[in-house]
Amino acid sequence: MARIFITGSSDGLGLTAAQLLVEQGHSVVLRARSQQRADETHNKLPLPESVVVGDLTSITQARHVADQVNQLGTFDAVIHSAGIGYLDIMPASATSSQSELSLKMGHRMFSLSIRLRRTS
């Protein structure tokens, strides 16, 4: 079975992916933006291997998340779903810089977490 790290796993697509993977016997490590969200995630999915906590709104915080995950060892895959769908629910009053920030943060986190893949 595979070991998978999932960002954006507190709800939506990330949570659904985590539920399906756990049901199939895979080991999942989830990421929540706050301890409150981590607790909520544990209530929805009580069997993850671990839940790391960290907001991805800055490169420093994203690196902190990556450091936490790297301390847990190697992974077979990363599912990056943090912020996916965010633009769909963004209010019409949102500025283009807010939209751009959301996309950049997702790209930066993916660039950091992709290093978690097992190379052997």
N, C-alpha and C. Protein backbone atom coordinates (compact mmCIF):
# COMPACT_ATOMS: atom_id res chain seq x y z
N MET A 1 0.83 -1.18 0.00
CA MET A 1 0.00 0.00 0.00
C MET A 1 0.88 1.25 0.00
N ALA A 2 0.31 2.33 -0.48
CA ALA A 2 1.07 3.58 -0.64
C ALA A 2 0.94 4.48 0.59
N ARG A 3 1.91 5.36 0.73
CA ARG A 3 1.92 6.40 1.77
C ARG A 3 1.80 7.73 1.04
N ILE A 4 0.75 8.51 1.37
CA ILE A 4 0.41 9.69 0.60
C ILE A 4 0.22 10.89 1.50
N PHE A 5 0.78 12.03 1.09
CA PHE A 5 0.58 13.30 1.78
C PHE A 5 -0.45 14.10 1.00
N ILE A 6 -1.47 14.62 1.70
CA ILE A 6 -2.54 15.37 1.05
C ILE A 6 -2.67 16.74 1.69
N THR A 7 -2.52 17.79 0.88
CA THR A 7 -2.81 19.14 1.35
C THR A 7 -4.29 19.41 1.08
N GLY A 8 -4.85 20.42 1.72
CA GLY A 8 -6.25 20.74 1.47
C GLY A 8 -7.17 19.60 1.84
N SER A 9 -6.87 18.91 2.92
CA SER A 9 -7.58 17.68 3.25
C SER A 9 -8.65 17.85 4.32
N SER A 10 -8.96 19.08 4.69
CA SER A 10 -9.98 19.30 5.71
C SER A 10 -11.40 19.17 5.17
N ASP A 11 -11.55 19.37 3.86
CA ASP A 11 -12.88 19.22 3.25
C ASP A 11 -12.71 19.08 1.73
N GLY A 12 -13.82 18.99 1.04
CA GLY A 12 -13.81 18.97 -0.42
C GLY A 12 -13.08 17.78 -1.02
N LEU A 13 -12.41 18.05 -2.14
CA LEU A 13 -11.72 16.99 -2.89
C LEU A 13 -10.62 16.31 -2.08
N GLY A 14 -9.87 17.08 -1.30
CA GLY A 14 -8.79 16.49 -0.50
C GLY A 14 -9.30 15.52 0.53
N LEU A 15 -10.38 15.89 1.24
CA LEU A 15 -10.98 15.00 2.24
C LEU A 15 -11.56 13.76 1.57
N THR A 16 -12.22 13.94 0.45
CA THR A 16 -12.79 12.80 -0.28
C THR A 16 -11.69 11.83 -0.72
N ALA A 17 -10.60 12.38 -1.26
CA ALA A 17 -9.47 11.53 -1.66
C ALA A 17 -8.91 10.78 -0.45
N ALA A 18 -8.76 11.48 0.67
CA ALA A 18 -8.23 10.84 1.88
C ALA A 18 -9.13 9.71 2.34
N GLN A 19 -10.44 9.95 2.35
CA GLN A 19 -11.39 8.92 2.77
C GLN A 19 -11.29 7.68 1.89
N LEU A 20 -11.26 7.89 0.58
CA LEU A 20 -11.17 6.75 -0.35
C LEU A 20 -9.86 5.99 -0.18
N LEU A 21 -8.76 6.71 -0.01
CA LEU A 21 -7.45 6.06 0.14
C LEU A 21 -7.36 5.27 1.44
N VAL A 22 -7.88 5.83 2.53
CA VAL A 22 -7.87 5.11 3.81
C VAL A 22 -8.73 3.85 3.70
N GLU A 23 -9.90 3.97 3.06
CA GLU A 23 -10.77 2.80 2.88
C GLU A 23 -10.07 1.69 2.10
N GLN A 24 -9.17 2.07 1.19
CA GLN A 24 -8.44 1.09 0.39
C GLN A 24 -7.18 0.58 1.09
N GLY A 25 -6.92 1.06 2.30
CA GLY A 25 -5.79 0.56 3.08
C GLY A 25 -4.51 1.36 2.97
N HIS A 26 -4.55 2.49 2.29
CA HIS A 26 -3.35 3.33 2.16
C HIS A 26 -3.13 4.15 3.43
N SER A 27 -1.91 4.56 3.64
CA SER A 27 -1.56 5.42 4.76
C SER A 27 -1.55 6.87 4.27
N VAL A 28 -2.30 7.73 4.95
CA VAL A 28 -2.36 9.13 4.53
C VAL A 28 -1.92 10.06 5.65
N VAL A 29 -1.18 11.09 5.26
CA VAL A 29 -0.83 12.19 6.15
C VAL A 29 -1.52 13.41 5.58
N LEU A 30 -2.25 14.09 6.43
CA LEU A 30 -3.06 15.22 6.00
C LEU A 30 -2.45 16.53 6.48
N ARG A 31 -2.86 17.63 5.83
CA ARG A 31 -2.43 18.97 6.24
C ARG A 31 -3.66 19.82 6.50
N ALA A 32 -3.69 20.48 7.66
CA ALA A 32 -4.76 21.41 8.01
C ALA A 32 -4.14 22.76 8.31
N ARG A 33 -4.89 23.83 8.02
CA ARG A 33 -4.30 25.17 8.20
C ARG A 33 -4.22 25.62 9.65
N SER A 34 -5.00 25.00 10.55
CA SER A 34 -4.99 25.37 11.97
C SER A 34 -5.26 24.13 12.81
N GLN A 35 -5.00 24.23 14.11
CA GLN A 35 -5.27 23.10 15.00
C GLN A 35 -6.77 22.80 15.03
N GLN A 36 -7.59 23.84 14.99
CA GLN A 36 -9.04 23.64 14.96
C GLN A 36 -9.45 22.82 13.73
N ARG A 37 -8.90 23.18 12.56
CA ARG A 37 -9.22 22.42 11.33
C ARG A 37 -8.68 20.99 11.43
N ALA A 38 -7.52 20.81 12.06
CA ALA A 38 -6.97 19.47 12.25
C ALA A 38 -7.90 18.62 13.10
N ASP A 39 -8.43 19.21 14.19
CA ASP A 39 -9.37 18.49 15.04
C ASP A 39 -10.64 18.13 14.28
N GLU A 40 -11.15 19.08 13.49
CA GLU A 40 -12.34 18.82 12.68
C GLU A 40 -12.07 17.70 11.67
N THR A 41 -10.88 17.70 11.09
CA THR A 41 -10.52 16.67 10.11
C THR A 41 -10.48 15.30 10.78
N HIS A 42 -9.90 15.24 11.99
CA HIS A 42 -9.86 13.96 12.72
C HIS A 42 -11.26 13.44 13.01
N ASN A 43 -12.22 14.35 13.25
CA ASN A 43 -13.60 13.93 13.48
C ASN A 43 -14.23 13.36 12.21
N LYS A 44 -13.86 13.92 11.05
CA LYS A 44 -14.40 13.45 9.78
C LYS A 44 -13.70 12.19 9.29
N LEU A 45 -12.41 12.08 9.58
CA LEU A 45 -11.60 10.96 9.12
C LEU A 45 -10.67 10.54 10.26
N PRO A 46 -11.13 9.63 11.11
CA PRO A 46 -10.38 9.30 12.31
C PRO A 46 -9.12 8.44 12.11
N LEU A 47 -8.83 8.00 10.89
CA LEU A 47 -7.73 7.07 10.70
C LEU A 47 -6.53 7.58 9.89
N PRO A 48 -6.27 8.88 9.81
CA PRO A 48 -5.05 9.26 9.09
C PRO A 48 -3.83 8.88 9.94
N GLU A 49 -2.72 8.68 9.27
CA GLU A 49 -1.48 8.40 9.99
C GLU A 49 -1.12 9.61 10.86
N SER A 50 -1.29 10.80 10.31
CA SER A 50 -0.94 12.02 11.02
C SER A 50 -1.62 13.21 10.35
N VAL A 51 -1.75 14.30 11.08
CA VAL A 51 -2.22 15.56 10.51
C VAL A 51 -1.20 16.62 10.89
N VAL A 52 -0.55 17.22 9.89
CA VAL A 52 0.37 18.33 10.16
C VAL A 52 -0.41 19.63 10.07
N VAL A 53 0.02 20.62 10.84
CA VAL A 53 -0.70 21.88 10.91
C VAL A 53 0.18 23.00 10.38
N GLY A 54 -0.39 23.79 9.48
CA GLY A 54 0.32 24.95 8.96
C GLY A 54 -0.46 25.62 7.85
N ASP A 55 -0.43 26.94 7.87
CA ASP A 55 -1.10 27.74 6.85
C ASP A 55 -0.15 27.88 5.67
N LEU A 56 -0.67 27.94 4.47
CA LEU A 56 0.16 28.02 3.27
C LEU A 56 0.15 29.41 2.65
N THR A 57 -0.18 30.43 3.43
CA THR A 57 -0.30 31.77 2.87
C THR A 57 1.02 32.49 2.70
N SER A 58 2.10 31.89 3.17
CA SER A 58 3.42 32.49 2.93
C SER A 58 4.42 31.37 2.65
N ILE A 59 5.49 31.71 1.99
CA ILE A 59 6.51 30.73 1.66
C ILE A 59 7.16 30.18 2.94
N THR A 60 7.30 31.03 3.96
CA THR A 60 7.89 30.59 5.23
C THR A 60 7.02 29.53 5.88
N GLN A 61 5.71 29.77 5.92
CA GLN A 61 4.80 28.80 6.51
C GLN A 61 4.73 27.53 5.67
N ALA A 62 4.77 27.67 4.36
CA ALA A 62 4.76 26.48 3.49
C ALA A 62 6.00 25.63 3.74
N ARG A 63 7.14 26.27 3.93
CA ARG A 63 8.37 25.52 4.23
C ARG A 63 8.26 24.80 5.57
N HIS A 64 7.60 25.45 6.54
CA HIS A 64 7.40 24.82 7.85
C HIS A 64 6.56 23.55 7.70
N VAL A 65 5.53 23.61 6.87
CA VAL A 65 4.71 22.42 6.61
C VAL A 65 5.57 21.34 5.96
N ALA A 66 6.35 21.71 4.96
CA ALA A 66 7.22 20.74 4.28
C ALA A 66 8.22 20.13 5.25
N ASP A 67 8.77 20.93 6.17
CA ASP A 67 9.70 20.40 7.18
C ASP A 67 9.02 19.38 8.06
N GLN A 68 7.78 19.68 8.51
CA GLN A 68 7.04 18.73 9.35
C GLN A 68 6.84 17.40 8.62
N VAL A 69 6.46 17.51 7.35
CA VAL A 69 6.17 16.31 6.57
C VAL A 69 7.45 15.52 6.31
N ASN A 70 8.53 16.22 5.99
CA ASN A 70 9.81 15.54 5.75
C ASN A 70 10.29 14.79 6.98
N GLN A 71 9.98 15.30 8.17
CA GLN A 71 10.37 14.62 9.41
C GLN A 71 9.64 13.29 9.57
N LEU A 72 8.53 13.13 8.89
CA LEU A 72 7.76 11.89 8.98
C LEU A 72 8.29 10.79 8.06
N GLY A 73 9.22 11.15 7.17
CA GLY A 73 9.80 10.14 6.28
C GLY A 73 9.41 10.36 4.84
N THR A 74 9.53 9.30 4.05
CA THR A 74 9.28 9.40 2.61
C THR A 74 7.83 9.06 2.27
N PHE A 75 7.42 9.52 1.10
CA PHE A 75 6.06 9.31 0.62
C PHE A 75 6.10 8.79 -0.81
N ASP A 76 5.06 8.05 -1.15
CA ASP A 76 4.94 7.54 -2.50
C ASP A 76 4.29 8.57 -3.43
N ALA A 77 3.47 9.44 -2.86
CA ALA A 77 2.77 10.44 -3.68
C ALA A 77 2.35 11.63 -2.84
N VAL A 78 2.13 12.75 -3.52
CA VAL A 78 1.60 13.96 -2.91
C VAL A 78 0.38 14.37 -3.70
N ILE A 79 -0.72 14.60 -3.00
CA ILE A 79 -1.91 15.16 -3.63
C ILE A 79 -2.04 16.59 -3.13
N HIS A 80 -1.84 17.53 -4.02
CA HIS A 80 -1.90 18.94 -3.63
C HIS A 80 -3.27 19.49 -4.01
N SER A 81 -4.13 19.62 -3.00
CA SER A 81 -5.47 20.15 -3.27
C SER A 81 -5.78 21.38 -2.44
N ALA A 82 -4.82 21.91 -1.71
CA ALA A 82 -5.06 23.13 -0.92
C ALA A 82 -5.38 24.29 -1.86
N GLY A 83 -6.49 24.94 -1.59
CA GLY A 83 -6.88 26.10 -2.39
C GLY A 83 -7.54 25.77 -3.70
N ILE A 84 -7.63 24.51 -4.07
CA ILE A 84 -8.28 24.14 -5.31
C ILE A 84 -9.78 24.40 -5.14
N GLY A 85 -10.34 25.10 -6.08
CA GLY A 85 -11.75 25.46 -5.98
C GLY A 85 -11.97 26.78 -5.29
N TYR A 86 -10.93 27.33 -4.69
CA TYR A 86 -11.05 28.60 -3.97
C TYR A 86 -11.54 29.70 -4.88
N LEU A 87 -11.06 29.75 -6.09
CA LEU A 87 -11.46 30.82 -7.00
C LEU A 87 -12.93 30.69 -7.37
N ASP A 88 -13.47 29.49 -7.32
CA ASP A 88 -14.89 29.30 -7.62
C ASP A 88 -15.79 29.96 -6.59
N ILE A 89 -15.32 30.04 -5.34
CA ILE A 89 -16.14 30.62 -4.29
C ILE A 89 -15.67 32.02 -3.89
N MET A 90 -14.66 32.53 -4.56
CA MET A 90 -14.16 33.85 -4.26
C MET A 90 -15.23 34.88 -4.62
N PRO A 91 -15.48 35.84 -3.72
CA PRO A 91 -16.51 36.84 -4.02
C PRO A 91 -16.16 37.67 -5.25
N ALA A 92 -17.20 38.15 -5.92
CA ALA A 92 -16.99 38.95 -7.12
C ALA A 92 -16.16 40.19 -6.83
N SER A 93 -16.18 40.64 -5.57
CA SER A 93 -15.42 41.84 -5.20
C SER A 93 -13.93 41.58 -5.03
N ALA A 94 -13.50 40.32 -5.10
CA ALA A 94 -12.08 39.99 -4.93
C ALA A 94 -11.26 40.63 -6.04
N THR A 95 -10.08 41.08 -5.65
CA THR A 95 -9.20 41.71 -6.64
C THR A 95 -8.42 40.67 -7.40
N SER A 96 -7.88 41.07 -8.53
CA SER A 96 -7.08 40.13 -9.31
C SER A 96 -5.83 39.74 -8.55
N SER A 97 -5.31 40.64 -7.68
CA SER A 97 -4.12 40.28 -6.90
C SER A 97 -4.44 39.20 -5.88
N GLN A 98 -5.67 39.19 -5.33
CA GLN A 98 -6.06 38.12 -4.41
C GLN A 98 -6.14 36.79 -5.15
N SER A 99 -6.69 36.81 -6.34
CA SER A 99 -6.77 35.60 -7.16
C SER A 99 -5.38 35.10 -7.50
N GLU A 100 -4.52 36.01 -7.89
CA GLU A 100 -3.15 35.65 -8.26
C GLU A 100 -2.41 35.08 -7.06
N LEU A 101 -2.61 35.66 -5.87
CA LEU A 101 -1.95 35.17 -4.66
C LEU A 101 -2.35 33.73 -4.39
N SER A 102 -3.64 33.42 -4.53
CA SER A 102 -4.11 32.06 -4.29
C SER A 102 -3.41 31.08 -5.22
N LEU A 103 -3.30 31.42 -6.49
CA LEU A 103 -2.65 30.53 -7.44
C LEU A 103 -1.16 30.40 -7.16
N LYS A 104 -0.50 31.50 -6.81
CA LYS A 104 0.94 31.44 -6.52
C LYS A 104 1.22 30.60 -5.29
N MET A 105 0.40 30.72 -4.24
CA MET A 105 0.63 29.94 -3.02
C MET A 105 0.52 28.45 -3.33
N GLY A 106 -0.48 28.09 -4.13
CA GLY A 106 -0.63 26.68 -4.50
C GLY A 106 0.57 26.17 -5.25
N HIS A 107 1.08 26.95 -6.18
CA HIS A 107 2.25 26.55 -6.95
C HIS A 107 3.48 26.43 -6.05
N ARG A 108 3.66 27.38 -5.15
CA ARG A 108 4.83 27.33 -4.26
C ARG A 108 4.79 26.10 -3.37
N MET A 109 3.63 25.80 -2.79
CA MET A 109 3.54 24.63 -1.92
C MET A 109 3.80 23.36 -2.71
N PHE A 110 3.27 23.27 -3.91
CA PHE A 110 3.51 22.10 -4.73
C PHE A 110 5.00 21.95 -5.01
N SER A 111 5.67 23.06 -5.31
CA SER A 111 7.10 23.02 -5.60
C SER A 111 7.89 22.53 -4.40
N LEU A 112 7.45 22.89 -3.19
CA LEU A 112 8.15 22.44 -2.00
C LEU A 112 7.83 20.98 -1.69
N SER A 113 6.56 20.62 -1.79
CA SER A 113 6.17 19.27 -1.37
C SER A 113 6.52 18.20 -2.36
N ILE A 114 6.74 18.56 -3.61
CA ILE A 114 7.08 17.56 -4.62
C ILE A 114 8.38 16.84 -4.27
N ARG A 115 9.21 17.49 -3.51
CA ARG A 115 10.48 16.87 -3.06
C ARG A 115 10.25 15.70 -2.12
N LEU A 116 9.04 15.54 -1.64
CA LEU A 116 8.75 14.47 -0.69
C LEU A 116 8.65 13.11 -1.36
N ARG A 117 8.57 13.08 -2.67
CA ARG A 117 8.40 11.79 -3.37
C ARG A 117 9.61 10.90 -3.16
N ARG A 118 9.32 9.64 -3.05
CA ARG A 118 10.38 8.65 -2.92
C ARG A 118 11.07 8.50 -4.26
N THR A 119 12.39 8.52 -4.27
CA THR A 119 13.12 8.41 -5.52
C THR A 119 13.65 7.01 -5.78
N SER A 120 13.60 6.15 -4.78
CA SER A 120 14.14 4.80 -4.98
C SER A 120 13.06 3.81 -5.32
